[in-house]
Protein backbone atom coordinates (compact mmCIF):
# COMPACT_ATOMS: atom_id res chain seq x y z
CA UNK A 1 0.00 0.00 0.00
CA UNK A 2 2.78 2.43 0.95
CA UNK A 3 4.61 1.54 -2.25
CA UNK A 4 1.50 2.37 -4.29
CA UNK A 5 1.10 5.75 -2.61
CA UNK A 6 4.79 6.52 -3.04
CA UNK A 7 4.62 5.46 -6.68
CA UNK A 8 1.57 7.69 -7.28
CA UNK A 9 3.30 10.67 -5.66
CA UNK A 10 6.42 10.13 -7.75
CA UNK A 11 4.31 9.95 -10.91
CA UNK A 12 2.70 13.28 -10.05
CA UNK A 13 6.02 15.02 -9.38
CA UNK A 14 6.66 16.01 -13.03
CA UNK A 15 3.20 17.56 -13.19
CA UNK A 16 3.83 19.65 -10.10
CA UNK A 17 7.28 20.77 -11.21
CA UNK A 18 5.94 21.87 -14.61
CA UNK A 19 3.25 24.10 -13.10
CA UNK A 20 3.88 27.81 -13.15
CA UNK A 21 1.54 30.75 -13.14
CA UNK A 22 4.29 33.03 -14.41
CA UNK A 23 5.52 33.72 -17.94
CA UNK A 24 9.23 33.79 -18.73
CA UNK A 25 9.00 37.38 -19.92
CA UNK A 26 12.60 37.50 -21.08
CA UNK A 27 12.02 34.55 -23.43
CA UNK A 28 8.86 36.17 -24.78
CA UNK A 29 10.17 39.69 -25.38
CA UNK A 30 13.97 39.88 -25.53
CA UNK A 31 16.08 38.82 -28.47
CA UNK A 32 13.19 38.75 -30.93
CA UNK A 33 11.80 41.09 -33.53
CA UNK A 34 8.01 41.32 -33.54
CA UNK A 35 6.02 42.21 -36.67
CA UNK A 36 2.73 44.05 -36.27
CA UNK A 37 -0.25 42.21 -37.79
CA UNK A 38 -3.49 43.90 -36.70
CA UNK A 39 -5.46 45.73 -34.03
CA UNK A 40 -8.56 43.88 -32.84
CA UNK A 41 -11.12 43.91 -30.05
CA UNK A 42 -9.96 42.12 -26.83
CA UNK A 43 -9.47 38.40 -26.39
CA UNK A 44 -7.36 36.93 -29.16
CA UNK A 45 -9.62 38.09 -31.95
CA UNK A 46 -7.96 38.56 -35.36
CA UNK A 47 -10.64 40.72 -37.01
CA UNK A 48 -9.49 44.30 -37.47
CA UNK A 49 -11.17 46.75 -35.13
CA UNK A 50 -13.43 49.20 -36.98
CA UNK A 51 -11.89 52.59 -36.18
CA UNK A 52 -14.03 55.47 -37.45
CA UNK A 53 -10.97 57.32 -38.80
CA UNK A 54 -9.13 54.38 -40.42
CA UNK A 55 -9.93 53.50 -44.03
CA UNK A 56 -10.09 49.95 -45.38
CA UNK A 57 -7.36 50.95 -47.85
CA UNK A 58 -5.06 51.83 -44.93
CA UNK A 59 -5.83 48.49 -43.23
CA UNK A 60 -5.20 46.66 -46.51
CA UNK A 61 -1.72 48.23 -46.71
CA UNK A 62 -0.82 46.43 -43.47
CA UNK A 63 -2.66 43.25 -44.40
CA UNK A 64 -0.78 42.86 -47.68
CA UNK A 65 2.44 44.17 -46.07
CA UNK A 66 3.03 47.18 -48.32
CA UNK A 67 3.28 48.92 -44.93
CA UNK A 68 4.87 47.17 -41.96
CA UNK A 69 6.03 47.85 -38.43
CA UNK A 70 8.48 45.78 -36.43
CA UNK A 71 9.51 46.27 -32.83
CA UNK A 72 12.31 44.84 -30.67
CA UNK A 73 12.61 44.84 -26.89
CA UNK A 74 15.72 44.80 -24.74
CA UNK A 75 15.74 44.50 -20.99
CA UNK A 76 16.86 42.86 -17.80
CA UNK A 77 14.76 40.45 -15.77
CA UNK A 78 14.63 40.18 -12.01
CA UNK A 79 12.19 37.51 -10.85
CA UNK A 80 8.85 38.02 -12.58
CA UNK A 81 9.70 41.62 -13.57
CA UNK A 82 11.55 42.85 -16.62
CA UNK A 83 12.19 46.37 -17.85
CA UNK A 84 14.16 48.02 -20.60
CA UNK A 85 13.75 49.88 -23.86
CA UNK A 86 12.03 49.17 -27.17
CA UNK A 87 12.52 50.47 -30.68
CA UNK A 88 10.46 50.03 -33.80
CA UNK A 89 10.78 50.77 -37.49
CA UNK A 90 8.93 50.45 -40.76
CA UNK A 91 5.91 52.61 -41.49
CA UNK A 92 6.84 54.56 -38.37
CA UNK A 93 9.84 55.02 -36.14
CA UNK A 94 9.04 54.51 -32.47
CA UNK A 95 10.67 53.83 -29.15
CA UNK A 96 10.46 54.19 -25.42
CA UNK A 97 10.78 52.35 -22.14
CA UNK A 98 8.77 49.29 -21.12
CA UNK A 99 8.23 46.92 -18.24
CA UNK A 100 6.31 43.68 -17.83
CA UNK A 101 5.35 41.38 -15.01
CA UNK A 102 5.33 37.70 -15.91
CA UNK A 103 3.11 36.80 -12.97
CA UNK A 104 0.34 39.39 -13.40
CA UNK A 105 0.65 39.94 -17.18
CA UNK A 106 0.91 43.71 -16.81
CA UNK A 107 2.78 45.60 -19.51
CA UNK A 108 3.44 49.32 -19.27
CA UNK A 109 5.40 51.85 -21.28
CA UNK A 110 6.78 55.31 -20.67
CA UNK A 111 8.54 58.02 -22.64
CA UNK A 112 6.98 56.63 -25.82
CA UNK A 113 7.61 58.50 -29.03
CA UNK A 114 6.37 57.66 -32.50
CA UNK A 115 6.83 59.29 -35.87
CA UNK A 116 4.72 57.89 -38.73
CA UNK A 117 6.37 58.20 -42.15
CA UNK A 118 3.01 59.25 -43.61
CA UNK A 119 0.89 61.68 -41.57
CA UNK A 120 -2.24 60.21 -43.21
CA UNK A 121 -1.38 56.70 -41.98
CA UNK A 122 -4.00 56.34 -39.25
CA UNK A 123 -3.01 52.73 -38.48
CA UNK A 124 0.50 53.96 -37.63
CA UNK A 125 -1.05 56.56 -35.34
CA UNK A 126 -3.11 53.82 -33.63
CA UNK A 127 0.07 51.76 -33.14
CA UNK A 128 1.67 54.71 -31.34
CA UNK A 129 -1.51 55.17 -29.28
CA UNK A 130 -1.52 51.46 -28.36
CA UNK A 131 2.12 51.50 -27.33
CA UNK A 132 1.59 54.66 -25.27
CA UNK A 133 -1.48 53.26 -23.49
CA UNK A 134 -0.42 49.62 -23.10
CA UNK A 135 -1.70 47.89 -19.96
CA UNK A 136 -1.10 44.15 -20.34
CA UNK A 137 0.24 41.46 -22.61
CA UNK A 138 -0.23 37.84 -23.55
CA UNK A 139 2.44 35.94 -25.35
CA UNK A 140 4.39 32.78 -25.70
CA UNK A 141 7.72 31.50 -26.95
CA UNK A 142 6.03 30.15 -30.10
CA UNK A 143 5.92 33.46 -31.93
CA UNK A 144 2.80 35.24 -30.67
CA UNK A 145 2.56 38.51 -28.78
CA UNK A 146 -0.56 40.52 -27.92
CA UNK A 147 -0.33 43.96 -26.33
CA UNK A 148 -3.60 45.17 -24.81
CA UNK A 149 -4.70 48.79 -24.42
CA UNK A 150 -7.90 50.75 -23.82
CA UNK A 151 -9.36 52.88 -26.60
CA UNK A 152 -12.52 54.92 -26.03
CA UNK A 153 -13.78 52.49 -23.36
CA UNK A 154 -12.97 49.33 -25.29
CA UNK A 155 -10.06 46.97 -24.68
CA UNK A 156 -8.14 46.40 -27.90
CA UNK A 157 -5.10 44.33 -28.71
CA UNK A 158 -2.25 44.69 -31.12
CA UNK A 159 -1.33 41.30 -32.55
CA UNK A 160 2.32 40.65 -33.37
CA UNK A 161 4.12 37.61 -34.75
CA UNK A 162 7.77 36.82 -34.42
CA UNK A 163 9.60 38.18 -37.45
CA UNK A 164 12.49 36.51 -39.19
CA UNK A 165 14.00 37.33 -42.55
CA UNK A 166 12.27 34.20 -43.90
CA UNK A 167 8.74 35.49 -43.26
Foldseek 3Di string as FASTA:
>chain_A
DVVVVVVVVVVCVVVVVPDDLFAPVCLWAAPFKKKWQEKFFDDPDDDHDDDPLADPVLNVCRNVVVWIKIKHFDWDDDQQKIKDKMWMDTQKTKMFIWMAGRNPQFIATPPIDMGGPDPSNVVSVVVSVQNHFWTGWDGDNQFWIWTWGDDPRTIMITIIGTDDPVD
